[in-house]
Amino acid sequence: MPEIRQDPLPALTKEQKAREAQLTEEELRIIDQGLLSNACTRWRKVARVVGSTMMFGSPTRIDGVPDIFYAQRVRKLVESSRLESDGNLDYIGYSEVRLPQENKDNEKT
């Protein structure tokens, strides 16, 4: 499993941006589906959701795509209301996400 980041997410490097530009719509869909499938209705650390999605041998792991990009996709899923978040998403070891719930209380379970 990738190392859990304790510092804020850095920007993508030039090489990582080049790899990002090569991603197809299908690969983006696979990444997003993987992130959503590793989330649940209970709060989970973003690092756990990203790490589980990126596990070696997982069909949702796209070669050459860094954890930073997966974490950026988590942010997009939150922005599109496909995930809810708690905490600063720049710190994946300290922020959490969950699938949206009908009951909008923010109590952790």
N, C-alpha and C. Protein backbone atom coordinates (compact mmCIF):
# COMPACT_ATOMS: atom_id res chain seq x y z
N MET A 1 0.86 -1.18 0.00
CA MET A 1 0.00 0.00 0.00
C MET A 1 0.90 1.24 0.00
N PRO A 2 0.52 2.29 -0.72
CA PRO A 2 1.33 3.50 -0.75
C PRO A 2 1.47 4.11 0.63
N GLU A 3 2.55 4.87 0.82
CA GLU A 3 2.80 5.56 2.08
C GLU A 3 1.70 6.58 2.33
N ILE A 4 1.25 6.69 3.58
CA ILE A 4 0.22 7.66 3.93
C ILE A 4 0.88 9.03 4.10
N ARG A 5 0.38 10.00 3.39
CA ARG A 5 0.93 11.35 3.45
C ARG A 5 0.45 12.05 4.72
N GLN A 6 1.39 12.64 5.46
CA GLN A 6 1.07 13.40 6.66
C GLN A 6 1.15 14.90 6.39
N ASP A 7 1.74 15.27 5.25
CA ASP A 7 1.87 16.67 4.87
C ASP A 7 0.83 17.00 3.81
N PRO A 8 0.65 18.29 3.51
CA PRO A 8 -0.34 18.62 2.48
C PRO A 8 0.08 18.06 1.12
N LEU A 9 -0.89 17.79 0.30
CA LEU A 9 -0.59 17.25 -1.02
C LEU A 9 0.18 18.26 -1.85
N PRO A 10 1.28 17.83 -2.46
CA PRO A 10 2.01 18.73 -3.35
C PRO A 10 1.31 18.81 -4.70
N ALA A 11 1.74 19.75 -5.51
CA ALA A 11 1.23 19.83 -6.88
C ALA A 11 1.82 18.68 -7.68
N LEU A 12 1.13 18.31 -8.74
CA LEU A 12 1.66 17.28 -9.63
C LEU A 12 2.93 17.79 -10.30
N THR A 13 3.89 16.90 -10.48
CA THR A 13 5.11 17.26 -11.20
C THR A 13 4.81 17.36 -12.69
N LYS A 14 5.75 17.86 -13.44
CA LYS A 14 5.59 17.98 -14.89
C LYS A 14 5.31 16.61 -15.50
N GLU A 15 6.03 15.59 -15.06
CA GLU A 15 5.84 14.23 -15.58
C GLU A 15 4.47 13.68 -15.21
N GLN A 16 4.04 13.95 -13.98
CA GLN A 16 2.73 13.48 -13.54
C GLN A 16 1.61 14.17 -14.30
N LYS A 17 1.78 15.46 -14.57
CA LYS A 17 0.79 16.18 -15.38
C LYS A 17 0.72 15.62 -16.79
N ALA A 18 1.87 15.24 -17.33
CA ALA A 18 1.89 14.64 -18.67
C ALA A 18 1.13 13.32 -18.66
N ARG A 19 1.32 12.51 -17.61
CA ARG A 19 0.59 11.24 -17.50
C ARG A 19 -0.89 11.49 -17.34
N GLU A 20 -1.25 12.50 -16.53
CA GLU A 20 -2.65 12.85 -16.33
C GLU A 20 -3.31 13.21 -17.67
N ALA A 21 -2.60 13.95 -18.49
CA ALA A 21 -3.13 14.37 -19.79
C ALA A 21 -3.41 13.19 -20.71
N GLN A 22 -2.75 12.06 -20.47
CA GLN A 22 -2.94 10.86 -21.30
C GLN A 22 -4.11 10.00 -20.86
N LEU A 23 -4.68 10.29 -19.70
CA LEU A 23 -5.76 9.45 -19.19
C LEU A 23 -7.00 9.57 -20.07
N THR A 24 -7.61 8.44 -20.32
CA THR A 24 -8.84 8.41 -21.12
C THR A 24 -10.04 8.61 -20.20
N GLU A 25 -11.17 8.90 -20.80
CA GLU A 25 -12.42 9.01 -20.03
C GLU A 25 -12.72 7.69 -19.31
N GLU A 26 -12.43 6.59 -19.96
CA GLU A 26 -12.65 5.27 -19.35
C GLU A 26 -11.76 5.09 -18.12
N GLU A 27 -10.50 5.50 -18.21
CA GLU A 27 -9.60 5.38 -17.05
C GLU A 27 -10.06 6.27 -15.91
N LEU A 28 -10.53 7.47 -16.21
CA LEU A 28 -11.06 8.35 -15.17
C LEU A 28 -12.29 7.73 -14.52
N ARG A 29 -13.14 7.12 -15.32
CA ARG A 29 -14.33 6.44 -14.78
C ARG A 29 -13.91 5.30 -13.86
N ILE A 30 -12.90 4.54 -14.26
CA ILE A 30 -12.41 3.42 -13.45
C ILE A 30 -11.87 3.93 -12.12
N ILE A 31 -11.10 5.00 -12.16
CA ILE A 31 -10.55 5.58 -10.92
C ILE A 31 -11.68 6.04 -10.01
N ASP A 32 -12.62 6.80 -10.57
CA ASP A 32 -13.74 7.30 -9.76
C ASP A 32 -14.56 6.16 -9.18
N GLN A 33 -14.85 5.15 -9.97
CA GLN A 33 -15.62 3.99 -9.48
C GLN A 33 -14.84 3.28 -8.37
N GLY A 34 -13.53 3.17 -8.52
CA GLY A 34 -12.72 2.55 -7.48
C GLY A 34 -12.78 3.33 -6.18
N LEU A 35 -12.66 4.64 -6.28
CA LEU A 35 -12.73 5.48 -5.08
C LEU A 35 -14.10 5.35 -4.42
N LEU A 36 -15.14 5.39 -5.21
CA LEU A 36 -16.50 5.27 -4.65
C LEU A 36 -16.72 3.89 -4.03
N SER A 37 -16.18 2.86 -4.65
CA SER A 37 -16.38 1.51 -4.11
C SER A 37 -15.59 1.27 -2.82
N ASN A 38 -14.55 2.07 -2.59
CA ASN A 38 -13.77 1.95 -1.36
C ASN A 38 -14.25 2.90 -0.27
N ALA A 39 -15.24 3.70 -0.59
CA ALA A 39 -15.90 4.54 0.41
C ALA A 39 -17.14 3.80 0.90
N CYS A 40 -17.68 4.23 2.00
CA CYS A 40 -18.92 3.64 2.51
C CYS A 40 -19.71 4.74 3.21
N THR A 41 -20.80 4.39 3.85
CA THR A 41 -21.62 5.40 4.52
C THR A 41 -21.03 5.83 5.86
N ARG A 42 -20.00 5.16 6.31
CA ARG A 42 -19.26 5.58 7.51
C ARG A 42 -18.05 6.38 7.06
N TRP A 43 -17.59 7.27 7.91
CA TRP A 43 -16.41 8.07 7.59
C TRP A 43 -15.19 7.18 7.47
N ARG A 44 -14.41 7.41 6.42
CA ARG A 44 -13.13 6.72 6.21
C ARG A 44 -12.08 7.76 5.84
N LYS A 45 -10.87 7.53 6.33
CA LYS A 45 -9.77 8.43 5.97
C LYS A 45 -9.59 8.42 4.45
N VAL A 46 -9.33 9.60 3.91
CA VAL A 46 -9.08 9.70 2.47
C VAL A 46 -7.88 8.84 2.10
N ALA A 47 -6.87 8.80 2.94
CA ALA A 47 -5.69 7.98 2.66
C ALA A 47 -6.07 6.51 2.51
N ARG A 48 -7.00 6.04 3.31
CA ARG A 48 -7.45 4.65 3.21
C ARG A 48 -8.19 4.40 1.90
N VAL A 49 -9.07 5.31 1.54
CA VAL A 49 -9.85 5.16 0.30
C VAL A 49 -8.90 5.18 -0.90
N VAL A 50 -7.97 6.13 -0.91
CA VAL A 50 -7.00 6.22 -2.01
C VAL A 50 -6.10 4.99 -2.03
N GLY A 51 -5.56 4.61 -0.88
CA GLY A 51 -4.66 3.46 -0.80
C GLY A 51 -5.32 2.17 -1.24
N SER A 52 -6.55 1.96 -0.82
CA SER A 52 -7.28 0.75 -1.21
C SER A 52 -7.54 0.73 -2.71
N THR A 53 -7.83 1.89 -3.27
CA THR A 53 -8.09 1.98 -4.70
C THR A 53 -6.83 1.72 -5.51
N MET A 54 -5.67 2.09 -4.94
CA MET A 54 -4.39 1.97 -5.65
C MET A 54 -3.64 0.67 -5.36
N MET A 55 -4.22 -0.24 -4.59
CA MET A 55 -3.50 -1.47 -4.22
C MET A 55 -2.98 -2.20 -5.45
N PHE A 56 -1.79 -2.75 -5.33
CA PHE A 56 -1.21 -3.52 -6.43
C PHE A 56 -2.14 -4.65 -6.81
N GLY A 57 -2.32 -4.83 -8.09
CA GLY A 57 -3.20 -5.89 -8.57
C GLY A 57 -4.65 -5.49 -8.69
N SER A 58 -4.99 -4.31 -8.17
CA SER A 58 -6.37 -3.85 -8.24
C SER A 58 -6.69 -3.36 -9.65
N PRO A 59 -7.88 -3.67 -10.15
CA PRO A 59 -8.26 -3.18 -11.48
C PRO A 59 -8.44 -1.67 -11.52
N THR A 60 -8.48 -1.03 -10.34
CA THR A 60 -8.65 0.42 -10.30
C THR A 60 -7.31 1.15 -10.16
N ARG A 61 -6.22 0.40 -10.18
CA ARG A 61 -4.88 1.01 -10.15
C ARG A 61 -4.45 1.23 -11.60
N ILE A 62 -4.20 2.47 -11.96
CA ILE A 62 -3.77 2.82 -13.30
C ILE A 62 -2.26 3.10 -13.24
N ASP A 63 -1.49 2.35 -14.00
CA ASP A 63 -0.03 2.49 -13.97
C ASP A 63 0.40 3.92 -14.24
N GLY A 64 1.35 4.37 -13.43
CA GLY A 64 1.94 5.69 -13.61
C GLY A 64 1.13 6.84 -13.06
N VAL A 65 -0.02 6.55 -12.45
CA VAL A 65 -0.86 7.61 -11.89
C VAL A 65 -0.60 7.67 -10.38
N PRO A 66 -0.14 8.82 -9.86
CA PRO A 66 0.24 8.92 -8.45
C PRO A 66 -0.94 9.09 -7.51
N ASP A 67 -0.69 8.86 -6.23
CA ASP A 67 -1.72 9.03 -5.21
C ASP A 67 -2.25 10.46 -5.18
N ILE A 68 -1.41 11.41 -5.53
CA ILE A 68 -1.85 12.81 -5.55
C ILE A 68 -3.04 12.97 -6.50
N PHE A 69 -2.96 12.33 -7.66
CA PHE A 69 -4.04 12.44 -8.63
C PHE A 69 -5.31 11.77 -8.10
N TYR A 70 -5.16 10.60 -7.48
CA TYR A 70 -6.33 9.92 -6.90
C TYR A 70 -6.97 10.82 -5.84
N ALA A 71 -6.16 11.48 -5.03
CA ALA A 71 -6.69 12.39 -4.01
C ALA A 71 -7.40 13.58 -4.66
N GLN A 72 -6.88 14.06 -5.78
CA GLN A 72 -7.56 15.13 -6.50
C GLN A 72 -8.92 14.67 -7.02
N ARG A 73 -8.99 13.40 -7.43
CA ARG A 73 -10.28 12.86 -7.89
C ARG A 73 -11.26 12.77 -6.73
N VAL A 74 -10.78 12.47 -5.52
CA VAL A 74 -11.65 12.47 -4.34
C VAL A 74 -12.27 13.86 -4.19
N ARG A 75 -11.45 14.89 -4.31
CA ARG A 75 -11.96 16.26 -4.20
C ARG A 75 -13.05 16.51 -5.25
N LYS A 76 -12.84 16.06 -6.49
CA LYS A 76 -13.84 16.23 -7.55
C LYS A 76 -15.13 15.49 -7.20
N LEU A 77 -15.01 14.31 -6.62
CA LEU A 77 -16.19 13.55 -6.22
C LEU A 77 -16.94 14.27 -5.10
N VAL A 78 -16.22 14.94 -4.20
CA VAL A 78 -16.85 15.74 -3.16
C VAL A 78 -17.54 16.94 -3.79
N GLU A 79 -16.85 17.62 -4.70
CA GLU A 79 -17.43 18.80 -5.35
C GLU A 79 -18.69 18.46 -6.14
N SER A 80 -18.76 17.24 -6.66
CA SER A 80 -19.95 16.83 -7.42
C SER A 80 -20.98 16.12 -6.54
N SER A 81 -20.78 16.16 -5.23
CA SER A 81 -21.71 15.59 -4.23
C SER A 81 -21.82 14.07 -4.31
N ARG A 82 -20.85 13.43 -4.92
CA ARG A 82 -20.85 11.96 -4.94
C ARG A 82 -20.21 11.40 -3.68
N LEU A 83 -19.45 12.24 -2.96
CA LEU A 83 -18.90 11.94 -1.65
C LEU A 83 -19.11 13.16 -0.76
N GLU A 84 -19.16 12.92 0.56
CA GLU A 84 -19.17 13.99 1.55
C GLU A 84 -17.81 13.97 2.22
N SER A 85 -17.35 15.12 2.68
CA SER A 85 -16.03 15.18 3.31
C SER A 85 -16.09 15.84 4.67
N ASP A 86 -15.08 15.54 5.46
CA ASP A 86 -14.88 16.16 6.77
C ASP A 86 -13.39 16.41 6.90
N GLY A 87 -13.01 17.63 7.18
CA GLY A 87 -11.60 17.97 7.30
C GLY A 87 -11.06 18.57 6.02
N ASN A 88 -9.79 18.89 6.05
CA ASN A 88 -9.10 19.52 4.93
C ASN A 88 -8.60 18.44 3.97
N LEU A 89 -9.14 18.39 2.78
CA LEU A 89 -8.78 17.35 1.82
C LEU A 89 -7.35 17.45 1.32
N ASP A 90 -6.66 18.54 1.63
CA ASP A 90 -5.24 18.64 1.28
C ASP A 90 -4.39 17.72 2.16
N TYR A 91 -4.95 17.26 3.26
CA TYR A 91 -4.25 16.36 4.20
C TYR A 91 -5.00 15.03 4.20
N ILE A 92 -4.61 14.13 3.31
CA ILE A 92 -5.38 12.90 3.15
C ILE A 92 -5.30 11.97 4.35
N GLY A 93 -4.28 12.14 5.18
CA GLY A 93 -4.17 11.33 6.39
C GLY A 93 -5.04 11.84 7.53
N TYR A 94 -5.58 13.04 7.36
CA TYR A 94 -6.35 13.67 8.43
C TYR A 94 -7.77 14.05 8.01
N SER A 95 -8.13 13.80 6.77
CA SER A 95 -9.49 14.11 6.31
C SER A 95 -10.22 12.81 6.03
N GLU A 96 -11.54 12.91 6.00
CA GLU A 96 -12.37 11.72 5.81
C GLU A 96 -13.45 11.98 4.76
N VAL A 97 -13.92 10.90 4.19
CA VAL A 97 -15.03 10.97 3.23
C VAL A 97 -16.00 9.83 3.51
N ARG A 98 -17.19 10.00 2.99
CA ARG A 98 -18.18 8.93 3.05
C ARG A 98 -19.15 9.14 1.89
N LEU A 99 -19.90 8.09 1.60
CA LEU A 99 -20.95 8.19 0.60
C LEU A 99 -22.06 9.07 1.18
N PRO A 100 -22.73 9.84 0.36
CA PRO A 100 -23.81 10.70 0.86
C PRO A 100 -24.89 9.88 1.57
N GLN A 101 -25.42 10.47 2.61
CA GLN A 101 -26.47 9.82 3.38
C GLN A 101 -27.75 10.61 3.27
N GLU A 102 -28.88 9.92 3.39
CA GLU A 102 -30.17 10.61 3.38
C GLU A 102 -30.28 11.48 4.61
N ASN A 103 -29.84 10.95 5.75
CA ASN A 103 -29.85 11.71 7.00
C ASN A 103 -28.59 12.57 7.02
N LYS A 104 -28.72 13.86 6.92
CA LYS A 104 -27.59 14.76 6.77
C LYS A 104 -26.95 15.18 8.09
N ASP A 105 -27.15 14.43 9.15
CA ASP A 105 -26.44 14.79 10.38
C ASP A 105 -24.96 14.45 10.18
N ASN A 106 -24.09 15.24 10.73
CA ASN A 106 -22.66 15.06 10.53
C ASN A 106 -22.01 14.29 11.67
N GLU A 107 -22.81 13.58 12.43
CA GLU A 107 -22.28 12.80 13.53
C GLU A 107 -21.52 11.61 13.00
N LYS A 108 -20.32 11.39 13.55
CA LYS A 108 -19.50 10.26 13.12
C LYS A 108 -20.03 8.99 13.75
N THR A 109 -20.08 7.92 12.90
CA THR A 109 -20.57 6.64 13.40
C THR A 109 -19.53 5.58 13.21
